[in-house]
Amino acid sequence: MAGTINKVILIGHLGDNIKMHYFEGGNSIGRFPLATNETYTNKQTGDKVSTTEWHNIIVRNKLAEICEKYLSTGDKVYCEGRIKTRQWEAEDGSKRYSTEIHVSDMTFLTTKKELNAPQPKVENKQVEPPKKETSSSDTSEAEDDLPF
């Protein structure tokens, strides 16, 4: 393979609300920490061990605005993007580094707003699906149970 790939896929929980920054020209950037967890059993002690890895997530423009509107701390998301490392000089003259995930695609898996919304009340009645009318010449569709 001649090329290279820089692709990251993460599923995790937001560690904080989105911090937004707006720029001239209408561009925006959103930042938030994302926690991924790993649980395993220590073979020597038999204890379950859980570790958390924190990732610095960066979203831009429309995706950042959507995240700000719908996401909050604790929400579970699926993120796809690429790794970027930034370098800068601190006030004391030392070099500092930050590794970030620049997200290009995201799917909301659960949101607090969704979990806290009142669920519709379902009564214990048997409801039959509406019957599909078919003509006698269209018997292949009548035998098909697919809804489309």
Protein backbone atom coordinates (compact mmCIF):
# COMPACT_ATOMS: atom_id res chain seq x y z
CA MET A 1 0.00 0.00 0.00
CA ALA A 2 1.55 3.27 -1.12
CA GLY A 3 -0.56 5.72 0.91
CA THR A 4 -1.07 6.28 4.60
CA ILE A 5 -4.19 6.47 6.73
CA ASN A 6 -4.94 8.65 9.73
CA LYS A 7 -8.37 7.51 10.95
CA VAL A 8 -9.78 7.28 14.47
CA ILE A 9 -13.09 5.75 15.55
CA LEU A 10 -14.23 6.32 19.13
CA ILE A 11 -17.37 5.53 21.10
CA GLY A 12 -17.46 7.25 24.45
CA HIS A 13 -19.12 9.64 26.88
CA LEU A 14 -18.74 13.43 26.99
CA GLY A 15 -16.73 14.52 30.00
CA ASP A 16 -17.97 18.12 29.85
CA ASN A 17 -20.26 20.38 27.85
CA ILE A 18 -19.04 21.70 24.49
CA LYS A 19 -16.88 24.85 24.70
CA MET A 20 -17.60 26.96 21.61
CA HIS A 21 -15.44 29.61 19.94
CA TYR A 22 -16.82 31.74 17.09
CA PHE A 23 -14.69 33.48 14.46
CA GLU A 24 -15.23 36.26 11.95
CA GLY A 25 -16.81 34.97 8.76
CA GLY A 26 -19.22 32.64 10.58
CA ASN A 27 -16.81 29.78 11.32
CA SER A 28 -16.88 28.08 14.70
CA ILE A 29 -15.03 25.41 16.62
CA GLY A 30 -16.22 23.25 19.50
CA ARG A 31 -14.05 21.39 22.01
CA PHE A 32 -14.93 18.75 24.57
CA PRO A 33 -13.31 15.80 26.36
CA LEU A 34 -14.48 12.28 25.50
CA ALA A 35 -13.97 9.32 27.87
CA THR A 36 -13.51 5.75 26.64
CA ASN A 37 -13.43 2.90 29.16
CA GLU A 38 -11.76 -0.49 29.20
CA THR A 39 -12.58 -3.20 31.71
CA TYR A 40 -10.57 -6.37 32.18
CA THR A 41 -9.88 -8.98 34.83
CA ASN A 42 -6.45 -9.00 36.47
CA LYS A 43 -5.20 -12.58 36.05
CA GLN A 44 -3.09 -12.49 39.22
CA THR A 45 -5.71 -11.11 41.64
CA GLY A 46 -8.95 -11.94 39.80
CA ASP A 47 -10.17 -8.38 40.37
CA LYS A 48 -11.96 -6.41 37.68
CA VAL A 49 -9.93 -3.39 36.61
CA SER A 50 -11.44 -0.43 34.79
CA THR A 51 -9.35 2.23 33.05
CA THR A 52 -10.50 5.45 31.41
CA GLU A 53 -8.75 7.16 28.52
CA TRP A 54 -9.53 10.85 27.85
CA HIS A 55 -9.52 12.26 24.31
CA ASN A 56 -9.59 15.94 23.27
CA ILE A 57 -12.33 16.22 20.63
CA ILE A 58 -12.54 19.06 18.09
CA VAL A 59 -15.63 19.70 15.93
CA ARG A 60 -16.02 22.52 13.44
CA ASN A 61 -18.70 24.80 12.00
CA LYS A 62 -22.17 23.21 11.55
CA LEU A 63 -21.23 20.00 13.40
CA ALA A 64 -19.98 22.09 16.33
CA GLU A 65 -23.24 24.05 16.47
CA ILE A 66 -25.31 20.84 16.37
CA CYS A 67 -23.21 19.33 19.16
CA GLU A 68 -23.61 22.45 21.29
CA LYS A 69 -27.38 22.36 20.83
CA TYR A 70 -28.02 18.66 21.56
CA LEU A 71 -25.14 17.26 23.64
CA SER A 72 -24.26 17.61 27.30
CA THR A 73 -22.01 15.94 29.87
CA GLY A 74 -22.46 12.15 30.00
CA ASP A 75 -23.97 11.71 26.52
CA LYS A 76 -22.70 8.78 24.49
CA VAL A 77 -21.43 9.47 20.95
CA TYR A 78 -19.75 7.72 18.02
CA CYS A 79 -16.95 9.82 16.46
CA GLU A 80 -14.85 9.39 13.33
CA GLY A 81 -11.95 11.65 12.56
CA ARG A 82 -8.18 11.99 12.49
CA ILE A 83 -5.41 12.59 15.02
CA LYS A 84 -3.60 15.92 15.05
CA THR A 85 -0.86 17.03 17.42
CA ARG A 86 -0.39 20.72 18.21
CA GLN A 87 2.80 22.24 19.58
CA TRP A 88 3.23 25.63 21.26
CA GLU A 89 5.60 27.42 23.57
CA ALA A 90 4.41 28.00 27.14
CA GLU A 91 5.00 31.22 29.09
CA ASP A 92 7.98 29.66 30.85
CA GLY A 93 9.60 28.86 27.47
CA SER A 94 8.96 25.11 27.51
CA LYS A 95 7.43 23.33 24.53
CA ARG A 96 3.92 21.98 25.11
CA TYR A 97 2.02 19.40 23.06
CA SER A 98 -1.62 18.47 22.74
CA THR A 99 -3.04 15.52 20.81
CA GLU A 100 -6.55 16.09 19.47
CA ILE A 101 -9.13 14.16 17.50
CA HIS A 102 -10.54 16.32 14.68
CA VAL A 103 -13.98 14.79 14.10
CA SER A 104 -15.50 14.73 10.62
CA ASP A 105 -18.45 12.41 11.31
CA MET A 106 -20.45 11.91 14.49
CA THR A 107 -23.53 9.98 15.57
CA PHE A 108 -25.38 10.68 18.82
CA LEU A 109 -26.01 7.33 20.52
CA THR A 110 -27.74 8.55 23.70
CA THR A 111 -28.40 12.03 24.98
CA LYS A 112 -29.52 13.16 28.43
CA LYS A 113 -32.32 15.11 26.81
CA GLU A 114 -33.53 11.88 25.18
CA LEU A 115 -33.27 9.89 28.43
CA ASN A 116 -34.99 12.56 30.54
CA ALA A 117 -37.86 13.10 28.09
CA PRO A 118 -41.19 11.71 29.27
CA GLN A 119 -41.84 8.39 27.60
CA PRO A 120 -45.20 7.94 25.87
CA LYS A 121 -47.62 5.87 27.91
CA VAL A 122 -48.48 2.55 26.28
CA GLU A 123 -51.66 0.81 27.28
CA ASN A 124 -51.90 -2.94 27.44
CA LYS A 125 -54.11 -3.38 24.37
CA GLN A 126 -53.51 -5.67 21.43
CA VAL A 127 -53.23 -3.57 18.29
CA GLU A 128 -53.36 -5.27 14.92
CA PRO A 129 -51.45 -3.73 12.03
CA PRO A 130 -53.61 -2.37 9.20
CA LYS A 131 -54.40 -4.92 6.53
CA LYS A 132 -52.88 -4.36 3.12
CA GLU A 133 -55.27 -4.39 0.21
CA THR A 134 -54.03 -6.43 -2.72
CA SER A 135 -55.45 -7.19 -6.10
CA SER A 136 -55.77 -10.78 -7.32
CA SER A 137 -53.12 -10.20 -10.00
CA ASP A 138 -50.56 -9.08 -7.40
CA THR A 139 -50.16 -12.29 -5.36
CA SER A 140 -46.36 -12.03 -5.00
CA GLU A 141 -46.71 -8.86 -2.93
CA ALA A 142 -49.43 -10.43 -0.77
CA GLU A 143 -47.06 -13.27 0.22
CA ASP A 144 -44.26 -10.86 1.09
CA ASP A 145 -44.16 -9.80 4.76
CA LEU A 146 -41.75 -6.92 4.16
CA PRO A 147 -43.19 -3.49 5.00
CA PHE A 148 -41.74 -1.84 1.90
